[in-house]
C-alpha cells in the first residue's frame, strides 16, 4: 500500500436547503478525525511551502477560457458513486513532519 500523508473520506449529498438557483445543487461533506485533521494540516503546510519554494503554478479560472496562473498546488481525490476520499502521497521532502 502507498505511503499516504492522510486519508479524509467525503460524501456528496443533495442540498435540501437551496434558497435560489445560485445555491449549489449538491454539497461535499469531508469527515476528519482529529488525527486525520492534524495530518492534513501538516500536509497542506508542507505543500504550500514547497509550492512557494519551487514556484509551482495552478490555474485560477475567472471564466470559461479566462484564467490567471498563481503559485499553488492541486489536491486530487477519488470518487465512487456519491462517496470518495482524499489520500495524497506523502511529499518527498526531508523537512516533512509526517
N, C-alpha and C. Protein backbone atom coordinates (compact mmCIF):
# COMPACT_ATOMS: atom_id res chain seq x y z
N UNK A 1 0.83 -1.19 0.00
CA UNK A 1 0.00 0.00 0.00
C UNK A 1 0.87 1.24 0.00
N UNK A 2 0.44 2.26 -0.68
CA UNK A 2 1.19 3.51 -0.79
C UNK A 2 1.26 4.22 0.56
N UNK A 3 2.32 4.97 0.74
CA UNK A 3 2.51 5.74 1.96
C UNK A 3 1.81 7.08 1.81
N UNK A 4 0.62 7.21 2.37
CA UNK A 4 -0.19 8.42 2.19
C UNK A 4 0.02 9.38 3.35
N UNK A 5 -0.15 10.67 3.05
CA UNK A 5 0.00 11.72 4.06
C UNK A 5 -1.18 11.72 5.03
N UNK A 6 -2.37 11.50 4.50
CA UNK A 6 -3.58 11.44 5.31
C UNK A 6 -4.68 10.84 4.46
N UNK A 7 -5.75 10.43 5.10
CA UNK A 7 -6.94 9.97 4.39
C UNK A 7 -8.14 10.70 4.96
N UNK A 8 -8.91 11.33 4.09
CA UNK A 8 -10.13 12.01 4.50
C UNK A 8 -11.25 11.55 3.57
N UNK A 9 -12.22 10.89 4.14
CA UNK A 9 -13.35 10.42 3.32
C UNK A 9 -14.35 11.55 3.14
N UNK A 10 -14.99 11.55 1.97
CA UNK A 10 -16.02 12.55 1.72
C UNK A 10 -17.24 11.90 1.11
N UNK A 11 -18.32 12.62 1.16
CA UNK A 11 -19.56 12.18 0.52
C UNK A 11 -20.22 13.39 -0.11
N UNK A 12 -20.97 13.13 -1.14
CA UNK A 12 -21.70 14.18 -1.85
C UNK A 12 -23.17 13.94 -1.60
N UNK A 13 -23.85 15.00 -1.15
CA UNK A 13 -25.27 14.85 -0.86
C UNK A 13 -26.05 16.00 -1.46
N UNK A 14 -27.30 15.75 -1.69
CA UNK A 14 -28.20 16.75 -2.24
C UNK A 14 -28.33 17.91 -1.27
N UNK A 15 -28.32 19.12 -1.80
CA UNK A 15 -28.54 20.32 -0.98
C UNK A 15 -30.04 20.51 -0.83
N UNK A 16 -30.58 20.10 0.28
CA UNK A 16 -32.03 20.18 0.51
C UNK A 16 -32.47 21.56 0.96
N UNK A 17 -31.52 22.45 1.20
CA UNK A 17 -31.85 23.80 1.67
C UNK A 17 -31.56 24.86 0.63
N UNK A 18 -31.74 24.53 -0.63
CA UNK A 18 -31.48 25.50 -1.71
C UNK A 18 -32.43 26.67 -1.58
N UNK A 19 -31.86 27.87 -1.55
CA UNK A 19 -32.66 29.09 -1.43
C UNK A 19 -33.02 29.67 -2.80
N UNK A 20 -32.11 29.48 -3.78
CA UNK A 20 -32.34 30.01 -5.12
C UNK A 20 -31.47 29.26 -6.11
N UNK A 21 -31.49 29.68 -7.37
CA UNK A 21 -30.74 28.99 -8.43
C UNK A 21 -29.23 29.12 -8.26
N UNK A 22 -28.77 30.08 -7.46
CA UNK A 22 -27.33 30.25 -7.25
C UNK A 22 -26.80 29.32 -6.16
N UNK A 23 -27.69 28.72 -5.38
CA UNK A 23 -27.28 27.76 -4.36
C UNK A 23 -26.83 26.47 -5.03
N UNK A 24 -25.82 25.80 -4.48
CA UNK A 24 -25.35 24.57 -5.11
C UNK A 24 -26.40 23.46 -5.04
N UNK A 25 -26.41 22.64 -6.08
CA UNK A 25 -27.34 21.50 -6.12
C UNK A 25 -26.91 20.41 -5.14
N UNK A 26 -25.59 20.27 -4.98
CA UNK A 26 -25.05 19.24 -4.10
C UNK A 26 -24.01 19.85 -3.18
N UNK A 27 -23.78 19.18 -2.07
CA UNK A 27 -22.78 19.62 -1.11
C UNK A 27 -21.75 18.51 -0.93
N UNK A 28 -20.52 18.91 -0.64
CA UNK A 28 -19.45 17.96 -0.36
C UNK A 28 -19.19 18.02 1.14
N UNK A 29 -19.25 16.87 1.79
CA UNK A 29 -19.00 16.77 3.23
C UNK A 29 -17.72 15.95 3.40
N UNK A 30 -16.71 16.53 4.05
CA UNK A 30 -15.45 15.84 4.29
C UNK A 30 -15.37 15.54 5.79
N UNK A 31 -15.11 14.28 6.13
CA UNK A 31 -15.04 13.84 7.53
C UNK A 31 -13.59 13.68 7.96
N UNK A 32 -13.24 14.26 9.11
CA UNK A 32 -11.90 14.16 9.67
C UNK A 32 -11.96 13.70 11.12
N UNK A 33 -11.10 12.78 11.50
CA UNK A 33 -10.83 12.55 12.91
C UNK A 33 -9.81 13.62 13.32
N UNK A 34 -9.61 13.86 14.61
CA UNK A 34 -8.58 14.84 14.99
C UNK A 34 -7.20 14.48 14.43
N UNK A 35 -6.85 13.19 14.44
CA UNK A 35 -5.54 12.78 13.92
C UNK A 35 -5.44 13.04 12.42
N UNK A 36 -6.51 12.72 11.68
CA UNK A 36 -6.51 12.97 10.24
C UNK A 36 -6.43 14.46 9.94
N UNK A 37 -7.12 15.27 10.74
CA UNK A 37 -7.10 16.72 10.53
C UNK A 37 -5.70 17.29 10.74
N UNK A 38 -5.00 16.81 11.77
CA UNK A 38 -3.64 17.29 12.01
C UNK A 38 -2.70 16.84 10.89
N UNK A 39 -2.86 15.61 10.41
CA UNK A 39 -2.03 15.13 9.30
C UNK A 39 -2.32 15.93 8.04
N UNK A 40 -3.61 16.24 7.79
CA UNK A 40 -3.98 17.03 6.62
C UNK A 40 -3.41 18.44 6.73
N UNK A 41 -3.47 19.03 7.91
CA UNK A 41 -2.92 20.38 8.11
C UNK A 41 -1.41 20.39 7.85
N UNK A 42 -0.70 19.38 8.36
CA UNK A 42 0.74 19.28 8.11
C UNK A 42 1.02 19.12 6.62
N UNK A 43 0.24 18.28 5.96
CA UNK A 43 0.41 18.08 4.51
C UNK A 43 0.21 19.40 3.76
N UNK A 44 -0.87 20.11 4.09
CA UNK A 44 -1.16 21.37 3.39
C UNK A 44 -0.06 22.40 3.63
N UNK A 45 0.45 22.50 4.85
CA UNK A 45 1.55 23.43 5.12
C UNK A 45 2.80 23.06 4.34
N UNK A 46 3.14 21.77 4.32
CA UNK A 46 4.32 21.32 3.58
C UNK A 46 4.17 21.60 2.10
N UNK A 47 3.00 21.30 1.55
CA UNK A 47 2.77 21.53 0.12
C UNK A 47 2.78 23.03 -0.22
N UNK A 48 2.25 23.85 0.68
CA UNK A 48 2.28 25.30 0.45
C UNK A 48 3.71 25.82 0.44
N UNK A 49 4.52 25.35 1.38
CA UNK A 49 5.93 25.75 1.43
C UNK A 49 6.67 25.29 0.18
N UNK A 50 6.40 24.05 -0.28
CA UNK A 50 7.04 23.55 -1.49
C UNK A 50 6.59 24.33 -2.72
N UNK A 51 5.32 24.69 -2.78
CA UNK A 51 4.81 25.47 -3.92
C UNK A 51 5.53 26.80 -4.01
N UNK A 52 5.70 27.45 -2.86
CA UNK A 52 6.41 28.73 -2.86
C UNK A 52 7.89 28.55 -3.21
N UNK A 53 8.52 27.53 -2.65
CA UNK A 53 9.95 27.31 -2.90
C UNK A 53 10.22 26.92 -4.35
N UNK A 54 9.33 26.11 -4.94
CA UNK A 54 9.53 25.61 -6.30
C UNK A 54 8.78 26.43 -7.34
N UNK A 55 8.00 27.41 -6.89
CA UNK A 55 7.23 28.27 -7.78
C UNK A 55 6.31 27.47 -8.71
N UNK A 56 5.67 26.41 -8.16
CA UNK A 56 4.72 25.64 -8.96
C UNK A 56 3.46 26.47 -9.20
N UNK A 57 2.80 26.23 -10.30
CA UNK A 57 1.66 27.06 -10.71
C UNK A 57 0.38 26.25 -10.82
N UNK A 58 -0.73 26.93 -10.51
CA UNK A 58 -2.08 26.42 -10.75
C UNK A 58 -2.82 27.47 -11.57
N UNK A 59 -3.86 27.04 -12.23
CA UNK A 59 -4.70 27.98 -12.98
C UNK A 59 -5.92 28.31 -12.14
N UNK A 60 -6.16 29.60 -11.96
CA UNK A 60 -7.34 30.08 -11.25
C UNK A 60 -8.27 30.68 -12.31
N UNK A 61 -9.38 29.99 -12.56
CA UNK A 61 -10.29 30.40 -13.63
C UNK A 61 -11.26 31.48 -13.16
N UNK A 62 -11.42 32.49 -14.01
CA UNK A 62 -12.39 33.55 -13.76
C UNK A 62 -13.51 33.50 -14.79
N UNK A 63 -13.40 32.61 -15.76
CA UNK A 63 -14.39 32.40 -16.81
C UNK A 63 -14.07 31.11 -17.52
N UNK A 64 -14.89 30.77 -18.51
CA UNK A 64 -14.70 29.51 -19.21
C UNK A 64 -13.29 29.37 -19.79
N UNK A 65 -12.80 30.41 -20.43
CA UNK A 65 -11.47 30.39 -21.04
C UNK A 65 -10.54 31.43 -20.45
N UNK A 66 -10.92 32.01 -19.32
CA UNK A 66 -10.11 33.06 -18.71
C UNK A 66 -9.53 32.57 -17.39
N UNK A 67 -8.23 32.70 -17.26
CA UNK A 67 -7.59 32.27 -16.02
C UNK A 67 -6.30 33.04 -15.82
N UNK A 68 -5.83 33.01 -14.60
CA UNK A 68 -4.51 33.52 -14.27
C UNK A 68 -3.74 32.35 -13.65
N UNK A 69 -2.43 32.40 -13.79
CA UNK A 69 -1.61 31.39 -13.14
C UNK A 69 -1.08 31.98 -11.84
N UNK A 70 -1.22 31.21 -10.78
CA UNK A 70 -0.75 31.64 -9.48
C UNK A 70 0.05 30.51 -8.84
N UNK A 71 0.91 30.87 -7.93
CA UNK A 71 1.67 29.86 -7.20
C UNK A 71 0.72 29.01 -6.39
N UNK A 72 0.86 27.69 -6.47
CA UNK A 72 -0.02 26.81 -5.72
C UNK A 72 0.20 25.36 -6.07
N UNK A 73 -0.73 24.53 -5.62
CA UNK A 73 -0.70 23.09 -5.89
C UNK A 73 -2.13 22.58 -5.91
N UNK A 74 -2.33 21.39 -6.45
CA UNK A 74 -3.66 20.79 -6.53
C UNK A 74 -3.74 19.58 -5.62
N UNK A 75 -4.92 19.33 -5.08
CA UNK A 75 -5.20 18.16 -4.26
C UNK A 75 -6.23 17.33 -5.00
N UNK A 76 -5.85 16.11 -5.35
CA UNK A 76 -6.74 15.22 -6.09
C UNK A 76 -7.33 14.17 -5.17
N UNK A 77 -8.54 13.77 -5.47
CA UNK A 77 -9.20 12.70 -4.73
C UNK A 77 -9.88 11.76 -5.70
N UNK A 78 -10.47 10.71 -5.17
CA UNK A 78 -11.20 9.75 -5.99
C UNK A 78 -12.64 9.67 -5.53
N UNK A 79 -13.55 9.42 -6.49
CA UNK A 79 -14.98 9.36 -6.19
C UNK A 79 -15.57 8.10 -6.80
N UNK A 80 -16.34 7.40 -6.00
CA UNK A 80 -17.07 6.22 -6.44
C UNK A 80 -18.52 6.42 -6.05
N UNK A 81 -19.39 6.63 -7.02
CA UNK A 81 -20.78 6.95 -6.71
C UNK A 81 -20.84 8.30 -6.02
N UNK A 82 -21.41 8.35 -4.84
CA UNK A 82 -21.51 9.60 -4.08
C UNK A 82 -20.53 9.68 -2.93
N UNK A 83 -19.52 8.79 -2.94
CA UNK A 83 -18.53 8.76 -1.86
C UNK A 83 -17.13 8.72 -2.44
N UNK A 84 -16.17 9.10 -1.64
CA UNK A 84 -14.80 9.05 -2.11
C UNK A 84 -13.84 9.40 -1.00
N UNK A 85 -12.59 9.68 -1.37
CA UNK A 85 -11.60 10.06 -0.37
C UNK A 85 -10.47 10.84 -1.01
N UNK A 86 -9.80 11.60 -0.14
CA UNK A 86 -8.55 12.25 -0.47
C UNK A 86 -7.48 11.45 0.27
N UNK A 87 -6.51 10.94 -0.45
CA UNK A 87 -5.40 10.18 0.15
C UNK A 87 -4.12 10.50 -0.60
N UNK A 88 -3.64 11.74 -0.49
CA UNK A 88 -2.43 12.10 -1.24
C UNK A 88 -1.19 11.42 -0.68
N UNK A 89 -0.25 11.13 -1.55
CA UNK A 89 1.02 10.56 -1.12
C UNK A 89 1.77 11.59 -0.29
N UNK A 90 2.60 11.09 0.61
CA UNK A 90 3.43 12.00 1.40
C UNK A 90 4.38 12.74 0.47
N UNK A 91 4.57 14.03 0.70
CA UNK A 91 5.52 14.79 -0.13
C UNK A 91 6.93 14.26 0.07
N UNK A 92 7.72 14.32 -0.99
CA UNK A 92 9.12 13.92 -0.89
C UNK A 92 9.91 15.12 -0.44
N UNK A 93 10.15 15.18 0.85
CA UNK A 93 10.86 16.32 1.41
C UNK A 93 11.54 15.93 2.71
N UNK A 94 12.81 16.27 2.88
CA UNK A 94 13.48 15.96 4.15
C UNK A 94 12.89 16.74 5.31
N UNK A 95 12.22 17.89 5.04
CA UNK A 95 11.64 18.71 6.10
C UNK A 95 10.26 18.24 6.51
N UNK A 96 9.73 17.24 5.82
CA UNK A 96 8.37 16.78 6.10
C UNK A 96 8.25 16.30 7.54
N UNK A 97 7.16 16.68 8.19
CA UNK A 97 6.97 16.32 9.60
C UNK A 97 6.04 15.14 9.76
N UNK A 98 5.86 14.33 8.72
CA UNK A 98 4.94 13.19 8.79
C UNK A 98 5.61 12.01 9.43
